[in-house]
Amino acid sequence: MCDKDEVHFSPSESLCLQIMLEKEQSVYRKSCRHLNEGSDITTKDRMKIIDWCYRAVECLRFDTELVEEALEIGDRFMSRCVSTRSFTRSKYQVVLVASLYIAMKKSATGPDV
């Protein structure tokens, strides 16, 4: 399951992704400048890192809700940055991977934490 290229989401994960997308398009629209025009980061980039986060969480046997928490942490961090134009795709990946790590440490419910 961990080495598949395609990720198939459960109904609860699909619902979670749908809710997060709705939040991005409404509530976070003003604060998530890193997803707006002029940014190097596209929606496709965001979906790729979300897929990767879900695979990592599943492989490490953590609760998949940590991905949503990590995205909120990352979005809050990025929304506080003065200039989001300086965020490249690779910096965005680092921010979200660090956010996932923070969410995992915060939960401390993994198999070997």
C-alpha atoms as a PDB file:
ATOM      1  CA  MET A   1       0.000   0.000   0.000  1.00  0.00           C
ATOM      2  CA  CYS A   2       2.836   2.422   0.731  1.00  0.00           C
ATOM      3  CA  ASP A   3       4.583   2.042  -2.595  1.00  0.00           C
ATOM      4  CA  LYS A   4       1.613   2.739  -4.890  1.00  0.00           C
ATOM      5  CA  ASP A   5       1.755   5.740  -7.165  1.00  0.00           C
ATOM      6  CA  GLU A   6      -1.975   6.359  -6.948  1.00  0.00           C
ATOM      7  CA  VAL A   7      -3.769   7.098  -3.721  1.00  0.00           C
ATOM      8  CA  HIS A   8      -7.350   6.035  -3.203  1.00  0.00           C
ATOM      9  CA  PHE A   9      -9.079   7.915  -0.443  1.00  0.00           C
ATOM     10  CA  SER A  10     -11.671   6.409   1.857  1.00  0.00           C
ATOM     11  CA  PRO A  11     -15.088   8.100   1.959  1.00  0.00           C
ATOM     12  CA  SER A  12     -14.153   9.921   5.177  1.00  0.00           C
ATOM     13  CA  GLU A  13     -10.863  11.148   3.680  1.00  0.00           C
ATOM     14  CA  SER A  14     -12.666  12.300   0.526  1.00  0.00           C
ATOM     15  CA  LEU A  15     -15.164  14.208   2.660  1.00  0.00           C
ATOM     16  CA  CYS A  16     -12.293  15.749   4.632  1.00  0.00           C
ATOM     17  CA  LEU A  17     -10.579  16.851   1.398  1.00  0.00           C
ATOM     18  CA  GLN A  18     -13.840  18.312   0.113  1.00  0.00           C
ATOM     19  CA  ILE A  19     -14.314  20.315   3.334  1.00  0.00           C
ATOM     20  CA  MET A  20     -10.712  21.550   3.191  1.00  0.00           C
ATOM     21  CA  LEU A  21     -11.178  22.620  -0.437  1.00  0.00           C
ATOM     22  CA  GLU A  22     -14.342  24.525   0.480  1.00  0.00           C
ATOM     23  CA  LYS A  23     -12.446  26.251   3.316  1.00  0.00           C
ATOM     24  CA  GLU A  24      -9.655  27.208   0.917  1.00  0.00           C
ATOM     25  CA  GLN A  25     -12.108  28.701  -1.528  1.00  0.00           C
ATOM     26  CA  SER A  26     -14.057  30.668   1.071  1.00  0.00           C
ATOM     27  CA  VAL A  27     -12.625  31.151   4.574  1.00  0.00           C
ATOM     28  CA  TYR A  28      -8.914  30.967   3.723  1.00  0.00           C
ATOM     29  CA  ARG A  29      -9.214  32.793   0.400  1.00  0.00           C
ATOM     30  CA  LYS A  30      -8.105  36.094   1.876  1.00  0.00           C
ATOM     31  CA  SER A  31      -5.355  34.716   4.088  1.00  0.00           C
ATOM     32  CA  CYS A  32      -3.902  32.059   1.772  1.00  0.00           C
ATOM     33  CA  ARG A  33      -2.100  34.350  -0.635  1.00  0.00           C
ATOM     34  CA  HIS A  34       0.266  31.498  -1.452  1.00  0.00           C
ATOM     35  CA  LEU A  35      -2.565  29.873  -3.456  1.00  0.00           C
ATOM     36  CA  ASN A  36      -3.542  32.997  -5.388  1.00  0.00           C
ATOM     37  CA  GLU A  37      -2.437  34.229  -8.787  1.00  0.00           C
ATOM     38  CA  GLY A  38       1.142  35.368  -9.054  1.00  0.00           C
ATOM     39  CA  SER A  39       2.363  32.581  -6.811  1.00  0.00           C
ATOM     40  CA  ASP A  40       4.629  29.766  -7.934  1.00  0.00           C
ATOM     41  CA  ILE A  41       2.427  27.281  -6.049  1.00  0.00           C
ATOM     42  CA  THR A  42      -0.503  25.785  -7.960  1.00  0.00           C
ATOM     43  CA  THR A  43      -3.508  23.768  -6.855  1.00  0.00           C
ATOM     44  CA  LYS A  44      -1.913  20.766  -8.583  1.00  0.00           C
ATOM     45  CA  ASP A  45       1.219  21.221  -6.434  1.00  0.00           C
ATOM     46  CA  ARG A  46      -0.940  21.351  -3.325  1.00  0.00           C
ATOM     47  CA  MET A  47      -2.800  18.161  -4.276  1.00  0.00           C
ATOM     48  CA  LYS A  48       0.505  16.349  -4.877  1.00  0.00           C
ATOM     49  CA  ILE A  49       1.820  17.221  -1.429  1.00  0.00           C
ATOM     50  CA  ILE A  50      -1.537  16.308   0.154  1.00  0.00           C
ATOM     51  CA  ASP A  51      -1.390  12.901  -1.560  1.00  0.00           C
ATOM     52  CA  TRP A  52       2.166  12.430  -0.304  1.00  0.00           C
ATOM     53  CA  CYS A  53       1.151  13.412   3.241  1.00  0.00           C
ATOM     54  CA  TYR A  54      -1.684  10.866   3.243  1.00  0.00           C
ATOM     55  CA  ARG A  55       0.656   8.123   2.019  1.00  0.00           C
ATOM     56  CA  ALA A  56       3.258   9.016   4.665  1.00  0.00           C
ATOM     57  CA  VAL A  57       0.673   9.069   7.448  1.00  0.00           C
ATOM     58  CA  GLU A  58      -0.774   5.718   6.357  1.00  0.00           C
ATOM     59  CA  CYS A  59       2.679   4.106   6.065  1.00  0.00           C
ATOM     60  CA  LEU A  60       3.599   5.350   9.545  1.00  0.00           C
ATOM     61  CA  ARG A  61       0.239   4.189  10.929  1.00  0.00           C
ATOM     62  CA  PHE A  62      -0.836   7.618  12.181  1.00  0.00           C
ATOM     63  CA  ASP A  63      -4.389   8.919  12.093  1.00  0.00           C
ATOM     64  CA  THR A  64      -5.134  10.461   8.691  1.00  0.00           C
ATOM     65  CA  GLU A  65      -6.749  13.470  10.400  1.00  0.00           C
ATOM     66  CA  LEU A  66      -3.193  14.687  11.004  1.00  0.00           C
ATOM     67  CA  VAL A  67      -2.982  15.698   7.341  1.00  0.00           C
ATOM     68  CA  GLU A  68      -5.805  18.215   7.796  1.00  0.00           C
ATOM     69  CA  GLU A  69      -4.156  19.564  10.934  1.00  0.00           C
ATOM     70  CA  ALA A  70      -0.810  19.834   9.141  1.00  0.00           C
ATOM     71  CA  LEU A  71      -2.403  21.759   6.265  1.00  0.00           C
ATOM     72  CA  GLU A  72      -3.998  24.186   8.692  1.00  0.00           C
ATOM     73  CA  ILE A  73      -0.650  24.710  10.446  1.00  0.00           C
ATOM     74  CA  GLY A  74       1.093  25.275   7.113  1.00  0.00           C
ATOM     75  CA  ASP A  75      -1.611  27.607   5.814  1.00  0.00           C
ATOM     76  CA  ARG A  76      -1.528  29.663   9.001  1.00  0.00           C
ATOM     77  CA  PHE A  77       2.256  29.961   8.757  1.00  0.00           C
ATOM     78  CA  MET A  78       2.182  30.932   5.091  1.00  0.00           C
ATOM     79  CA  SER A  79      -0.643  33.441   5.615  1.00  0.00           C
ATOM     80  CA  ARG A  80       1.533  35.331   8.111  1.00  0.00           C
ATOM     81  CA  CYS A  81       4.410  35.734   5.675  1.00  0.00           C
ATOM     82  CA  VAL A  82       4.795  39.205   4.235  1.00  0.00           C
ATOM     83  CA  SER A  83       5.803  38.123   0.738  1.00  0.00           C
ATOM     84  CA  THR A  84       4.425  34.813  -0.496  1.00  0.00           C
ATOM     85  CA  ARG A  85       5.966  35.357  -3.940  1.00  0.00           C
ATOM     86  CA  SER A  86       9.274  34.228  -2.462  1.00  0.00           C
ATOM     87  CA  PHE A  87       7.791  30.795  -1.722  1.00  0.00           C
ATOM     88  CA  THR A  88       8.811  28.298  -4.353  1.00  0.00           C
ATOM     89  CA  ARG A  89       7.357  24.824  -4.689  1.00  0.00           C
ATOM     90  CA  SER A  90      10.282  23.330  -2.795  1.00  0.00           C
ATOM     91  CA  LYS A  91       9.885  25.805   0.086  1.00  0.00           C
ATOM     92  CA  TYR A  92       6.169  25.043   0.158  1.00  0.00           C
ATOM     93  CA  GLN A  93       6.944  21.324   0.417  1.00  0.00           C
ATOM     94  CA  VAL A  94       9.334  21.970   3.304  1.00  0.00           C
ATOM     95  CA  VAL A  95       6.687  24.033   5.116  1.00  0.00           C
ATOM     96  CA  LEU A  96       4.040  21.317   4.748  1.00  0.00           C
ATOM     97  CA  VAL A  97       6.377  18.454   5.661  1.00  0.00           C
ATOM     98  CA  ALA A  98       7.482  20.389   8.760  1.00  0.00           C
ATOM     99  CA  SER A  99       3.812  21.060   9.540  1.00  0.00           C
ATOM    100  CA  LEU A 100       3.058  17.352   9.242  1.00  0.00           C
ATOM    101  CA  TYR A 101       5.944  16.576  11.589  1.00  0.00           C
ATOM    102  CA  ILE A 102       4.600  19.115  14.110  1.00  0.00           C
ATOM    103  CA  ALA A 103       1.107  17.614  13.874  1.00  0.00           C
ATOM    104  CA  MET A 104       2.522  14.107  14.422  1.00  0.00           C
ATOM    105  CA  LYS A 105       4.593  15.179  17.420  1.00  0.00           C
ATOM    106  CA  LYS A 106       1.634  17.096  18.813  1.00  0.00           C
ATOM    107  CA  SER A 107      -0.618  14.045  18.591  1.00  0.00           C
ATOM    108  CA  ALA A 108       1.990  11.613  19.971  1.00  0.00           C
ATOM    109  CA  THR A 109      -0.276   8.689  19.119  1.00  0.00           C
ATOM    110  CA  GLY A 110       1.865   6.911  16.550  1.00  0.00           C
ATOM    111  CA  PRO A 111       3.154   3.358  16.982  1.00  0.00           C
ATOM    112  CA  ASP A 112       6.630   4.244  18.248  1.00  0.00           C
ATOM    113  CA  VAL A 113       6.302   7.754  19.663  1.00  0.00           C
END
